Amino acid sequence: MKEIKNEQVAAVFEQYPEVIRLSLLELRALIFEVGEATSEVGEIEESLKWHQPTYSTIQTKSGTPIRLDCFGEAKIALFFHCQTTVIEEFRALFSKELEFSKNRAIVLDPAKELPLEELAFCIQRALTYHQK
């Protein structure tokens, strides 16, 4: 797993209960994996926005930021900028496989196996959103 270099981001991950933290770290790893496999993305910057780990394509500006956090008490989510069309696109493709919150998030149950194939597609689309 890629080392967390930003101490503030590392501290946020440490505050989560273990089941939440492990699933969020799995999503974090998937974001970096997809980013590295997608040539037009470039380096992904990891930072905090609204006290949430955030992943941005600062170098290429190819995508919309992805944020990770808890969703309610028992779930987690990948959050996207609400003025993009990514959730609308994901809902049209994966309405049976994924749960959504309005036009801003993919909601997941950390106690269940993450649907990595669908999530990888969604992450890739978000990281290349501005290249449509």
N, C-alpha and C. Protein backbone atom coordinates (compact mmCIF):
# COMPACT_ATOMS: atom_id res chain seq x y z
N MET A 1 0.83 -1.18 0.00
CA MET A 1 0.00 0.00 0.00
C MET A 1 0.88 1.24 0.00
N LYS A 2 0.47 2.23 -0.77
CA LYS A 2 1.20 3.49 -0.88
C LYS A 2 1.20 4.20 0.49
N GLU A 3 2.37 4.65 0.88
CA GLU A 3 2.54 5.34 2.15
C GLU A 3 1.76 6.66 2.15
N ILE A 4 1.15 6.98 3.29
CA ILE A 4 0.48 8.27 3.45
C ILE A 4 1.53 9.27 3.90
N LYS A 5 1.88 10.20 3.02
CA LYS A 5 2.94 11.18 3.32
C LYS A 5 2.42 12.39 4.08
N ASN A 6 1.16 12.72 3.90
CA ASN A 6 0.57 13.88 4.55
C ASN A 6 0.14 13.46 5.97
N GLU A 7 0.78 14.05 6.98
CA GLU A 7 0.51 13.67 8.37
C GLU A 7 -0.93 13.95 8.79
N GLN A 8 -1.53 15.01 8.26
CA GLN A 8 -2.92 15.33 8.60
C GLN A 8 -3.86 14.28 8.03
N VAL A 9 -3.59 13.81 6.82
CA VAL A 9 -4.41 12.75 6.22
C VAL A 9 -4.26 11.47 7.03
N ALA A 10 -3.03 11.13 7.39
CA ALA A 10 -2.79 9.93 8.19
C ALA A 10 -3.54 9.99 9.51
N ALA A 11 -3.56 11.16 10.14
CA ALA A 11 -4.26 11.32 11.41
C ALA A 11 -5.77 11.11 11.25
N VAL A 12 -6.34 11.56 10.13
CA VAL A 12 -7.76 11.36 9.89
C VAL A 12 -8.06 9.86 9.75
N PHE A 13 -7.24 9.15 8.98
CA PHE A 13 -7.46 7.71 8.82
C PHE A 13 -7.36 7.00 10.17
N GLU A 14 -6.44 7.42 11.02
CA GLU A 14 -6.25 6.77 12.32
C GLU A 14 -7.45 6.94 13.24
N GLN A 15 -8.24 7.98 13.05
CA GLN A 15 -9.37 8.24 13.95
C GLN A 15 -10.56 7.32 13.68
N TYR A 16 -10.62 6.70 12.51
CA TYR A 16 -11.76 5.85 12.17
C TYR A 16 -11.70 4.52 12.91
N PRO A 17 -12.87 3.95 13.23
CA PRO A 17 -12.88 2.57 13.76
C PRO A 17 -12.26 1.64 12.71
N GLU A 18 -11.71 0.53 13.16
CA GLU A 18 -10.94 -0.36 12.27
C GLU A 18 -11.69 -0.79 11.01
N VAL A 19 -12.92 -1.22 11.12
CA VAL A 19 -13.65 -1.71 9.95
C VAL A 19 -13.83 -0.59 8.92
N ILE A 20 -14.07 0.62 9.38
CA ILE A 20 -14.21 1.78 8.49
C ILE A 20 -12.85 2.11 7.88
N ARG A 21 -11.83 2.19 8.73
CA ARG A 21 -10.48 2.55 8.27
C ARG A 21 -9.98 1.58 7.20
N LEU A 22 -10.14 0.30 7.42
CA LEU A 22 -9.64 -0.69 6.46
C LEU A 22 -10.32 -0.55 5.10
N SER A 23 -11.63 -0.34 5.10
CA SER A 23 -12.34 -0.17 3.83
C SER A 23 -11.95 1.14 3.14
N LEU A 24 -11.81 2.21 3.91
CA LEU A 24 -11.39 3.49 3.31
C LEU A 24 -9.97 3.38 2.75
N LEU A 25 -9.10 2.67 3.45
CA LEU A 25 -7.74 2.48 2.93
C LEU A 25 -7.75 1.62 1.67
N GLU A 26 -8.68 0.68 1.57
CA GLU A 26 -8.82 -0.11 0.36
C GLU A 26 -9.27 0.78 -0.81
N LEU A 27 -10.18 1.70 -0.54
CA LEU A 27 -10.61 2.65 -1.58
C LEU A 27 -9.46 3.58 -1.96
N ARG A 28 -8.71 4.03 -0.97
CA ARG A 28 -7.54 4.88 -1.23
C ARG A 28 -6.57 4.17 -2.16
N ALA A 29 -6.27 2.92 -1.86
CA ALA A 29 -5.34 2.14 -2.69
C ALA A 29 -5.89 1.99 -4.11
N LEU A 30 -7.19 1.79 -4.24
CA LEU A 30 -7.80 1.65 -5.56
C LEU A 30 -7.70 2.95 -6.35
N ILE A 31 -7.87 4.08 -5.70
CA ILE A 31 -7.74 5.37 -6.38
C ILE A 31 -6.34 5.52 -6.96
N PHE A 32 -5.32 5.23 -6.15
CA PHE A 32 -3.94 5.34 -6.65
C PHE A 32 -3.66 4.32 -7.75
N GLU A 33 -4.17 3.11 -7.60
CA GLU A 33 -3.98 2.06 -8.60
C GLU A 33 -4.59 2.46 -9.94
N VAL A 34 -5.82 2.94 -9.90
CA VAL A 34 -6.50 3.37 -11.13
C VAL A 34 -5.78 4.58 -11.73
N GLY A 35 -5.39 5.51 -10.89
CA GLY A 35 -4.68 6.69 -11.37
C GLY A 35 -3.38 6.33 -12.07
N GLU A 36 -2.62 5.42 -11.49
CA GLU A 36 -1.35 5.00 -12.09
C GLU A 36 -1.57 4.25 -13.40
N ALA A 37 -2.68 3.56 -13.54
CA ALA A 37 -2.97 2.79 -14.75
C ALA A 37 -3.60 3.63 -15.86
N THR A 38 -3.95 4.88 -15.55
CA THR A 38 -4.60 5.76 -16.52
C THR A 38 -3.62 6.87 -16.88
N SER A 39 -3.02 6.76 -18.06
CA SER A 39 -1.90 7.64 -18.43
C SER A 39 -2.24 9.13 -18.38
N GLU A 40 -3.45 9.53 -18.72
CA GLU A 40 -3.78 10.95 -18.77
C GLU A 40 -4.01 11.59 -17.40
N VAL A 41 -3.98 10.81 -16.34
CA VAL A 41 -4.27 11.33 -15.01
C VAL A 41 -3.07 12.05 -14.39
N GLY A 42 -1.89 11.50 -14.53
CA GLY A 42 -0.72 12.09 -13.87
C GLY A 42 -0.72 11.79 -12.38
N GLU A 43 0.12 12.49 -11.67
CA GLU A 43 0.26 12.26 -10.23
C GLU A 43 -1.01 12.70 -9.50
N ILE A 44 -1.41 11.91 -8.53
CA ILE A 44 -2.58 12.23 -7.71
C ILE A 44 -2.10 12.86 -6.41
N GLU A 45 -2.67 14.01 -6.09
CA GLU A 45 -2.34 14.69 -4.84
C GLU A 45 -3.32 14.26 -3.76
N GLU A 46 -2.77 13.90 -2.60
CA GLU A 46 -3.58 13.52 -1.45
C GLU A 46 -3.55 14.67 -0.45
N SER A 47 -4.73 15.15 -0.07
CA SER A 47 -4.82 16.27 0.86
C SER A 47 -6.10 16.13 1.68
N LEU A 48 -6.37 17.13 2.49
CA LEU A 48 -7.62 17.17 3.25
C LEU A 48 -8.47 18.33 2.74
N LYS A 49 -9.75 18.05 2.49
CA LYS A 49 -10.72 19.09 2.19
C LYS A 49 -11.94 18.75 3.03
N TRP A 50 -12.41 19.72 3.80
CA TRP A 50 -13.55 19.50 4.70
C TRP A 50 -13.26 18.34 5.65
N HIS A 51 -12.02 18.24 6.07
CA HIS A 51 -11.55 17.21 7.00
C HIS A 51 -11.73 15.79 6.43
N GLN A 52 -11.74 15.68 5.10
CA GLN A 52 -11.87 14.38 4.43
C GLN A 52 -10.66 14.16 3.53
N PRO A 53 -10.08 12.95 3.54
CA PRO A 53 -9.01 12.65 2.59
C PRO A 53 -9.53 12.88 1.17
N THR A 54 -8.76 13.64 0.39
CA THR A 54 -9.18 14.07 -0.95
C THR A 54 -8.08 13.75 -1.95
N TYR A 55 -8.51 13.31 -3.13
CA TYR A 55 -7.59 12.87 -4.18
C TYR A 55 -7.87 13.68 -5.44
N SER A 56 -6.86 14.45 -5.87
CA SER A 56 -7.03 15.39 -6.97
C SER A 56 -5.95 15.20 -8.02
N THR A 57 -6.31 15.55 -9.25
CA THR A 57 -5.37 15.48 -10.38
C THR A 57 -4.79 16.87 -10.61
N ILE A 58 -4.02 17.35 -9.65
CA ILE A 58 -3.47 18.70 -9.67
C ILE A 58 -2.56 18.93 -10.89
N GLN A 59 -1.75 17.97 -11.22
CA GLN A 59 -0.77 18.11 -12.31
C GLN A 59 -1.46 18.27 -13.66
N THR A 60 -2.41 17.39 -13.98
CA THR A 60 -3.05 17.41 -15.30
C THR A 60 -4.41 18.10 -15.29
N LYS A 61 -5.01 18.25 -14.11
CA LYS A 61 -6.36 18.80 -13.98
C LYS A 61 -7.38 18.02 -14.83
N SER A 62 -7.12 16.73 -14.99
CA SER A 62 -7.97 15.88 -15.83
C SER A 62 -9.26 15.46 -15.15
N GLY A 63 -9.31 15.55 -13.82
CA GLY A 63 -10.46 14.98 -13.13
C GLY A 63 -11.09 15.89 -12.11
N THR A 64 -12.16 15.37 -11.53
CA THR A 64 -12.82 16.03 -10.42
C THR A 64 -12.34 15.34 -9.14
N PRO A 65 -12.15 16.08 -8.05
CA PRO A 65 -11.66 15.46 -6.82
C PRO A 65 -12.58 14.37 -6.29
N ILE A 66 -11.97 13.41 -5.63
CA ILE A 66 -12.69 12.33 -4.95
C ILE A 66 -12.35 12.45 -3.47
N ARG A 67 -13.38 12.46 -2.63
CA ARG A 67 -13.17 12.52 -1.19
C ARG A 67 -13.68 11.23 -0.56
N LEU A 68 -13.07 10.82 0.54
CA LEU A 68 -13.46 9.61 1.27
C LEU A 68 -13.87 9.98 2.69
N ASP A 69 -14.92 9.31 3.19
CA ASP A 69 -15.31 9.56 4.58
C ASP A 69 -16.39 8.57 4.99
N CYS A 70 -16.75 8.65 6.26
CA CYS A 70 -17.90 7.90 6.76
C CYS A 70 -19.16 8.49 6.15
N PHE A 71 -20.20 7.68 6.13
CA PHE A 71 -21.51 8.14 5.69
C PHE A 71 -22.49 7.64 6.72
N GLY A 72 -22.96 8.54 7.54
CA GLY A 72 -23.78 8.12 8.66
C GLY A 72 -22.91 7.39 9.68
N GLU A 73 -23.51 6.48 10.42
CA GLU A 73 -22.77 5.80 11.48
C GLU A 73 -22.11 4.51 11.04
N ALA A 74 -22.66 3.86 10.00
CA ALA A 74 -22.19 2.51 9.68
C ALA A 74 -21.71 2.34 8.25
N LYS A 75 -21.74 3.38 7.44
CA LYS A 75 -21.34 3.23 6.05
C LYS A 75 -20.20 4.18 5.71
N ILE A 76 -19.66 4.00 4.52
CA ILE A 76 -18.60 4.86 4.01
C ILE A 76 -19.03 5.37 2.64
N ALA A 77 -18.31 6.37 2.13
CA ALA A 77 -18.69 6.90 0.82
C ALA A 77 -17.49 7.48 0.09
N LEU A 78 -17.62 7.46 -1.23
CA LEU A 78 -16.76 8.23 -2.11
C LEU A 78 -17.61 9.43 -2.51
N PHE A 79 -17.12 10.62 -2.22
CA PHE A 79 -17.84 11.85 -2.51
C PHE A 79 -17.25 12.51 -3.76
N PHE A 80 -18.14 13.07 -4.57
CA PHE A 80 -17.74 13.76 -5.80
C PHE A 80 -18.38 15.14 -5.80
N HIS A 81 -17.80 16.06 -6.56
CA HIS A 81 -18.35 17.41 -6.66
C HIS A 81 -19.78 17.31 -7.17
N CYS A 82 -20.70 17.92 -6.46
CA CYS A 82 -22.13 17.77 -6.77
C CYS A 82 -22.54 18.46 -8.07
N GLN A 83 -21.71 19.32 -8.62
CA GLN A 83 -22.07 19.98 -9.87
C GLN A 83 -21.53 19.25 -11.10
N THR A 84 -20.93 18.09 -10.88
CA THR A 84 -20.52 17.26 -12.02
C THR A 84 -21.66 16.30 -12.35
N THR A 85 -21.49 15.57 -13.44
CA THR A 85 -22.51 14.58 -13.84
C THR A 85 -22.07 13.16 -13.53
N VAL A 86 -21.02 12.99 -12.74
CA VAL A 86 -20.50 11.64 -12.52
C VAL A 86 -21.50 10.72 -11.83
N ILE A 87 -22.16 11.18 -10.79
CA ILE A 87 -23.11 10.31 -10.08
C ILE A 87 -24.27 9.94 -11.00
N GLU A 88 -24.74 10.87 -11.80
CA GLU A 88 -25.80 10.58 -12.77
C GLU A 88 -25.36 9.46 -13.72
N GLU A 89 -24.12 9.55 -14.21
CA GLU A 89 -23.58 8.51 -15.10
C GLU A 89 -23.45 7.18 -14.36
N PHE A 90 -22.92 7.19 -13.15
CA PHE A 90 -22.73 5.97 -12.39
C PHE A 90 -24.07 5.32 -12.05
N ARG A 91 -25.05 6.13 -11.70
CA ARG A 91 -26.38 5.61 -11.37
C ARG A 91 -26.99 4.92 -12.59
N ALA A 92 -26.83 5.50 -13.78
CA ALA A 92 -27.37 4.90 -15.01
C ALA A 92 -26.72 3.54 -15.29
N LEU A 93 -25.44 3.41 -14.95
CA LEU A 93 -24.70 2.18 -15.23
C LEU A 93 -24.82 1.14 -14.12
N PHE A 94 -24.84 1.57 -12.87
CA PHE A 94 -24.69 0.65 -11.75
C PHE A 94 -25.80 0.79 -10.69
N SER A 95 -27.01 1.10 -11.09
CA SER A 95 -28.08 1.32 -10.10
C SER A 95 -28.39 0.06 -9.29
N LYS A 96 -28.11 -1.11 -9.85
CA LYS A 96 -28.37 -2.36 -9.11
C LYS A 96 -27.20 -2.76 -8.23
N GLU A 97 -26.00 -2.32 -8.60
CA GLU A 97 -24.79 -2.75 -7.90
C GLU A 97 -24.35 -1.79 -6.79
N LEU A 98 -24.66 -0.49 -6.95
CA LEU A 98 -24.16 0.51 -6.02
C LEU A 98 -25.32 1.32 -5.42
N GLU A 99 -25.07 1.86 -4.24
CA GLU A 99 -26.02 2.75 -3.57
C GLU A 99 -25.50 4.18 -3.73
N PHE A 100 -26.40 5.13 -3.93
CA PHE A 100 -26.00 6.51 -4.15
C PHE A 100 -26.70 7.44 -3.17
N SER A 101 -26.07 8.56 -2.92
CA SER A 101 -26.69 9.63 -2.15
C SER A 101 -26.80 10.85 -3.04
N LYS A 102 -28.01 11.14 -3.44
CA LYS A 102 -28.31 12.30 -4.29
C LYS A 102 -27.32 12.35 -5.46
N ASN A 103 -26.74 13.53 -5.71
CA ASN A 103 -25.79 13.68 -6.81
C ASN A 103 -24.37 13.89 -6.30
N ARG A 104 -24.08 13.29 -5.13
CA ARG A 104 -22.78 13.57 -4.55
C ARG A 104 -21.96 12.38 -4.08
N ALA A 105 -22.56 11.19 -3.94
CA ALA A 105 -21.76 10.12 -3.33
C ALA A 105 -22.18 8.72 -3.75
N ILE A 106 -21.19 7.84 -3.74
CA ILE A 106 -21.41 6.39 -3.80
C ILE A 106 -21.28 5.92 -2.36
N VAL A 107 -22.30 5.25 -1.86
CA VAL A 107 -22.35 4.81 -0.47
C VAL A 107 -22.10 3.31 -0.41
N LEU A 108 -21.25 2.90 0.52
CA LEU A 108 -20.85 1.50 0.63
C LEU A 108 -20.95 1.00 2.07
N ASP A 109 -21.15 -0.29 2.20
CA ASP A 109 -21.16 -0.93 3.51
C ASP A 109 -19.78 -1.53 3.75
N PRO A 110 -19.03 -1.02 4.72
CA PRO A 110 -17.68 -1.52 4.95
C PRO A 110 -17.63 -2.95 5.49
N ALA A 111 -18.76 -3.46 5.94
CA ALA A 111 -18.81 -4.83 6.44
C ALA A 111 -18.93 -5.84 5.31
N LYS A 112 -19.19 -5.35 4.09
CA LYS A 112 -19.33 -6.22 2.93
C LYS A 112 -18.13 -6.03 2.00
N GLU A 113 -17.93 -7.01 1.13
CA GLU A 113 -16.86 -6.91 0.15
C GLU A 113 -17.16 -5.75 -0.80
N LEU A 114 -16.16 -4.92 -1.05
CA LEU A 114 -16.34 -3.78 -1.93
C LEU A 114 -16.43 -4.24 -3.38
N PRO A 115 -17.34 -3.66 -4.17
CA PRO A 115 -17.47 -4.00 -5.60
C PRO A 115 -16.36 -3.31 -6.40
N LEU A 116 -15.16 -3.87 -6.34
CA LEU A 116 -13.97 -3.20 -6.86
C LEU A 116 -14.03 -2.91 -8.36
N GLU A 117 -14.60 -3.80 -9.14
CA GLU A 117 -14.65 -3.58 -10.59
C GLU A 117 -15.48 -2.34 -10.92
N GLU A 118 -16.66 -2.23 -10.34
CA GLU A 118 -17.52 -1.08 -10.58
C GLU A 118 -16.89 0.20 -10.03
N LEU A 119 -16.29 0.09 -8.84
CA LEU A 119 -15.65 1.26 -8.24
C LEU A 119 -14.45 1.73 -9.06
N ALA A 120 -13.68 0.80 -9.59
CA ALA A 120 -12.53 1.18 -10.42
C ALA A 120 -13.00 1.96 -11.65
N PHE A 121 -14.09 1.53 -12.26
CA PHE A 121 -14.64 2.25 -13.41
C PHE A 121 -15.04 3.67 -12.99
N CYS A 122 -15.76 3.79 -11.88
CA CYS A 122 -16.22 5.09 -11.40
C CYS A 122 -15.04 6.01 -11.07
N ILE A 123 -14.04 5.48 -10.42
CA ILE A 123 -12.86 6.26 -10.07
C ILE A 123 -12.15 6.74 -11.34
N GLN A 124 -12.00 5.85 -12.31
CA GLN A 124 -11.35 6.23 -13.57
C GLN A 124 -12.12 7.35 -14.27
N ARG A 125 -13.43 7.27 -14.28
CA ARG A 125 -14.26 8.31 -14.92
C ARG A 125 -14.12 9.64 -14.16
N ALA A 126 -14.08 9.59 -12.85
CA ALA A 126 -13.92 10.84 -12.06
C ALA A 126 -12.54 11.44 -12.30
N LEU A 127 -11.51 10.60 -12.36
CA LEU A 127 -10.14 11.10 -12.55
C LEU A 127 -9.90 11.66 -13.96
N THR A 128 -10.80 11.36 -14.88
CA THR A 128 -10.67 11.87 -16.27
C THR A 128 -11.89 12.70 -16.67
N TYR A 129 -12.65 13.16 -15.72
CA TYR A 129 -13.92 13.85 -15.96
C TYR A 129 -13.79 15.03 -16.93
N HIS A 130 -12.74 15.80 -16.82
CA HIS A 130 -12.58 17.00 -17.65
C HIS A 130 -12.06 16.71 -19.05
N GLN A 131 -11.85 15.45 -19.35
CA GLN A 131 -11.35 15.06 -20.67
C GLN A 131 -12.46 14.53 -21.57
N LYS A 132 -13.70 14.64 -21.15
CA LYS A 132 -14.83 14.13 -21.95
C LYS A 132 -14.87 14.81 -23.31
